[in-house]
Amino acid sequence: SSDVCSSDLTHPGKKLNFMGNELGMFREWDETKELDWFLLNEYPMHKMFHDYFRDLCGLVTKNPAFYEKDYESDGFLWIDADNADENMYAYYRMTDGQKYAVVMNMSPVTRENFRMGLKDDCTITEVLNSDNQCYGGTGVLNPNPIKSEPIKHNQWDHSAVFTLPPFGTIVFEVKD
């Protein structure tokens, strides 16, 4: 699933992609057989997942916020780690001059007008959304930059409202 893939790659720590994960293989990896490359041609959803995996890997390898401070406390900050009612969680990945917010909805419910607390007054811009139709999603996107409001939410003094897709992950670029 794209949520698990997004969490693994955007969370702090070094990454390991086991052979074939990026293809969404049906069978367990077998060292005596070639990867199931045919899936990319014969099953459109496997190609779309592969495209998502490629784009997610590109995002996290080209932006130091996702790797420079993997083991430093100022490289990661929970935004919302305790939202069991809405079955979601969110966190910041940061480095000097760069900040991203990763938001994951682990439920089948689209959350329109979803309010998320933010540490600072900022603008958030969606740079990756697993629910994009080109990745096999339903197309619940946030195409325009979103300005935070001075409305307190959870422990934060600012917040923003957006649509959170079902079983989806959004990566926002954060500009203070």
Protein backbone atom coordinates (compact mmCIF):
# COMPACT_ATOMS: atom_id res chain seq x y z
CA SER A 1 0.00 0.00 0.00
CA SER A 2 1.13 3.54 -0.68
CA ASP A 3 0.69 4.60 2.96
CA VAL A 4 3.16 2.02 4.20
CA CYS A 5 5.57 2.87 1.41
CA SER A 6 5.26 6.61 2.16
CA SER A 7 5.76 6.11 5.88
CA ASP A 8 8.83 3.95 5.41
CA LEU A 9 10.52 6.37 3.03
CA THR A 10 9.65 9.69 4.69
CA HIS A 11 10.21 8.68 8.32
CA PRO A 12 13.72 9.14 9.79
CA GLY A 13 16.27 6.39 9.39
CA LYS A 14 17.97 4.62 6.54
CA LYS A 15 15.82 2.81 4.02
CA LEU A 16 15.76 -0.69 2.63
CA ASN A 17 13.62 -1.57 -0.34
CA PHE A 18 13.45 -5.32 -0.60
CA MET A 19 13.58 -6.69 -4.14
CA GLY A 20 10.31 -6.35 -6.00
CA ASN A 21 8.50 -4.07 -3.54
CA GLU A 22 8.45 -1.31 -6.15
CA LEU A 23 6.55 -3.63 -8.51
CA GLY A 24 3.90 -4.80 -6.04
CA MET A 25 4.72 -8.43 -6.78
CA PHE A 26 2.10 -11.11 -6.15
CA ARG A 27 4.61 -13.72 -5.04
CA GLU A 28 7.36 -13.72 -2.48
CA TRP A 29 10.80 -12.80 -3.77
CA ASP A 30 12.84 -15.80 -4.84
CA GLU A 31 16.58 -15.51 -5.41
CA THR A 32 16.40 -18.22 -8.08
CA LYS A 33 13.96 -16.24 -10.25
CA GLU A 34 13.97 -12.89 -11.97
CA LEU A 35 11.71 -10.11 -10.65
CA ASP A 36 8.21 -10.04 -12.17
CA TRP A 37 8.90 -7.17 -14.58
CA PHE A 38 5.96 -8.30 -16.74
CA LEU A 39 3.62 -6.82 -14.11
CA LEU A 40 4.46 -3.31 -15.33
CA ASN A 41 3.15 -4.09 -18.84
CA GLU A 42 0.27 -6.43 -18.07
CA TYR A 43 -1.28 -4.76 -15.01
CA PRO A 44 -1.82 -0.96 -15.13
CA MET A 45 -2.12 -0.69 -11.33
CA HIS A 46 1.34 -2.18 -10.89
CA LYS A 47 2.76 0.38 -13.33
CA MET A 48 0.98 3.20 -11.45
CA PHE A 49 2.33 1.96 -8.12
CA HIS A 50 5.81 1.73 -9.63
CA ASP A 51 5.45 5.34 -10.84
CA TYR A 52 4.40 6.43 -7.35
CA PHE A 53 7.35 4.62 -5.80
CA ARG A 54 9.70 6.25 -8.33
CA ASP A 55 8.32 9.74 -7.62
CA LEU A 56 8.38 9.23 -3.85
CA CYS A 57 11.99 8.00 -4.00
CA GLY A 58 12.87 11.01 -6.16
CA LEU A 59 11.31 13.39 -3.65
CA VAL A 60 13.11 11.94 -0.64
CA THR A 61 16.50 11.65 -2.35
CA LYS A 62 16.47 15.16 -3.88
CA ASN A 63 15.40 17.00 -0.72
CA PRO A 64 17.84 17.02 2.22
CA ALA A 65 15.01 17.47 4.74
CA PHE A 66 14.29 13.75 4.30
CA TYR A 67 17.80 12.50 5.00
CA GLU A 68 20.24 15.09 6.34
CA LYS A 69 19.08 14.99 9.95
CA ASP A 70 17.86 11.40 10.20
CA TYR A 71 19.40 11.00 13.65
CA GLU A 72 19.06 14.53 15.01
CA SER A 73 16.07 15.69 17.03
CA ASP A 74 15.63 18.88 15.01
CA GLY A 75 15.10 16.89 11.78
CA PHE A 76 11.75 15.38 12.83
CA LEU A 77 8.73 16.66 14.74
CA TRP A 78 5.34 15.06 15.25
CA ILE A 79 2.44 17.24 14.12
CA ASP A 80 -0.22 14.76 15.17
CA ALA A 81 0.68 11.32 16.52
CA ASP A 82 -2.43 10.61 18.59
CA ASN A 83 -5.38 10.98 16.23
CA ALA A 84 -6.93 7.54 16.60
CA ASP A 85 -10.46 8.90 16.03
CA GLU A 86 -9.63 9.96 12.47
CA ASN A 87 -7.01 7.25 11.97
CA MET A 88 -4.33 9.60 10.71
CA TYR A 89 -0.94 10.91 11.65
CA ALA A 90 1.36 13.69 10.50
CA TYR A 91 4.92 14.84 11.02
CA TYR A 92 7.50 17.34 9.86
CA ARG A 93 10.80 16.46 8.19
CA MET A 94 13.23 19.38 8.36
CA THR A 95 16.73 20.60 7.72
CA ASP A 96 18.21 24.07 7.44
CA GLY A 97 16.07 26.01 4.98
CA GLN A 98 13.72 23.13 4.10
CA LYS A 99 10.59 21.77 5.75
CA TYR A 100 7.97 19.23 4.68
CA ALA A 101 4.80 18.00 6.34
CA VAL A 102 3.82 14.36 5.72
CA VAL A 103 0.15 13.58 6.38
CA MET A 104 -1.29 10.06 6.24
CA ASN A 105 -4.90 8.93 6.32
CA MET A 106 -5.03 5.27 7.25
CA SER A 107 -8.80 4.99 6.76
CA PRO A 108 -11.10 4.62 3.72
CA VAL A 109 -12.79 7.95 4.55
CA THR A 110 -12.12 11.14 2.56
CA ARG A 111 -11.74 13.95 5.10
CA GLU A 112 -12.93 17.18 3.56
CA ASN A 113 -12.22 20.42 5.43
CA PHE A 114 -9.66 18.57 7.51
CA ARG A 115 -7.94 20.93 9.97
CA MET A 116 -4.35 20.21 10.88
CA GLY A 117 -2.30 22.13 13.42
CA LEU A 118 0.93 23.75 12.26
CA LYS A 119 3.89 24.96 14.27
CA ASP A 120 4.25 28.31 12.49
CA ASP A 121 2.46 30.76 10.26
CA CYS A 122 3.15 29.28 6.81
CA THR A 123 1.96 28.25 3.38
CA ILE A 124 1.77 24.56 2.55
CA THR A 125 1.92 23.30 -1.03
CA GLU A 126 1.15 19.73 -2.02
CA VAL A 127 4.16 18.23 -3.79
CA LEU A 128 3.12 14.56 -3.75
CA ASN A 129 -0.22 12.87 -3.22
CA SER A 130 -0.62 9.09 -3.35
CA ASP A 131 -4.27 9.54 -4.34
CA ASN A 132 -3.38 11.16 -7.65
CA GLN A 133 -5.14 9.35 -10.50
CA CYS A 134 -1.80 8.81 -12.26
CA TYR A 135 -0.90 6.58 -9.29
CA GLY A 136 -4.21 4.70 -9.38
CA GLY A 137 -5.92 6.89 -6.78
CA THR A 138 -9.33 8.54 -6.79
CA GLY A 139 -7.96 12.02 -7.53
CA VAL A 140 -8.59 13.78 -4.20
CA LEU A 141 -5.94 16.50 -4.49
CA ASN A 142 -5.14 19.94 -3.08
CA PRO A 143 -3.93 21.73 -6.21
CA ASN A 144 -3.46 25.22 -4.74
CA PRO A 145 -1.13 26.48 -2.00
CA ILE A 146 -2.86 26.70 1.38
CA LYS A 147 -2.17 29.58 3.78
CA SER A 148 -2.27 28.76 7.47
CA GLU A 149 -4.60 30.61 9.79
CA PRO A 150 -3.96 31.84 13.34
CA ILE A 151 -6.45 29.28 14.62
CA LYS A 152 -5.17 27.06 17.41
CA HIS A 153 -5.49 23.33 16.76
CA ASN A 154 -4.16 20.61 19.04
CA GLN A 155 -0.96 21.97 20.58
CA TRP A 156 -0.21 24.34 17.68
CA ASP A 157 -0.99 28.06 17.34
CA HIS A 158 -1.67 27.87 13.61
CA SER A 159 -3.59 25.49 11.38
CA ALA A 160 -4.63 24.87 7.79
CA VAL A 161 -7.64 23.24 6.18
CA PHE A 162 -7.38 20.82 3.26
CA THR A 163 -8.83 17.58 1.92
CA LEU A 164 -7.23 14.36 3.11
CA PRO A 165 -7.74 11.50 0.63
CA PRO A 166 -8.84 7.98 1.65
CA PHE A 167 -5.96 5.60 2.36
CA GLY A 168 -3.72 8.38 1.15
CA THR A 169 -0.53 10.22 1.90
CA ILE A 170 0.17 13.85 1.14
CA VAL A 171 3.57 15.49 1.28
CA PHE A 172 3.37 19.26 1.67
CA GLU A 173 6.27 21.64 1.19
CA VAL A 174 6.14 24.14 4.06
CA LYS A 175 7.22 27.75 3.55
CA ASP A 176 7.27 29.98 6.65
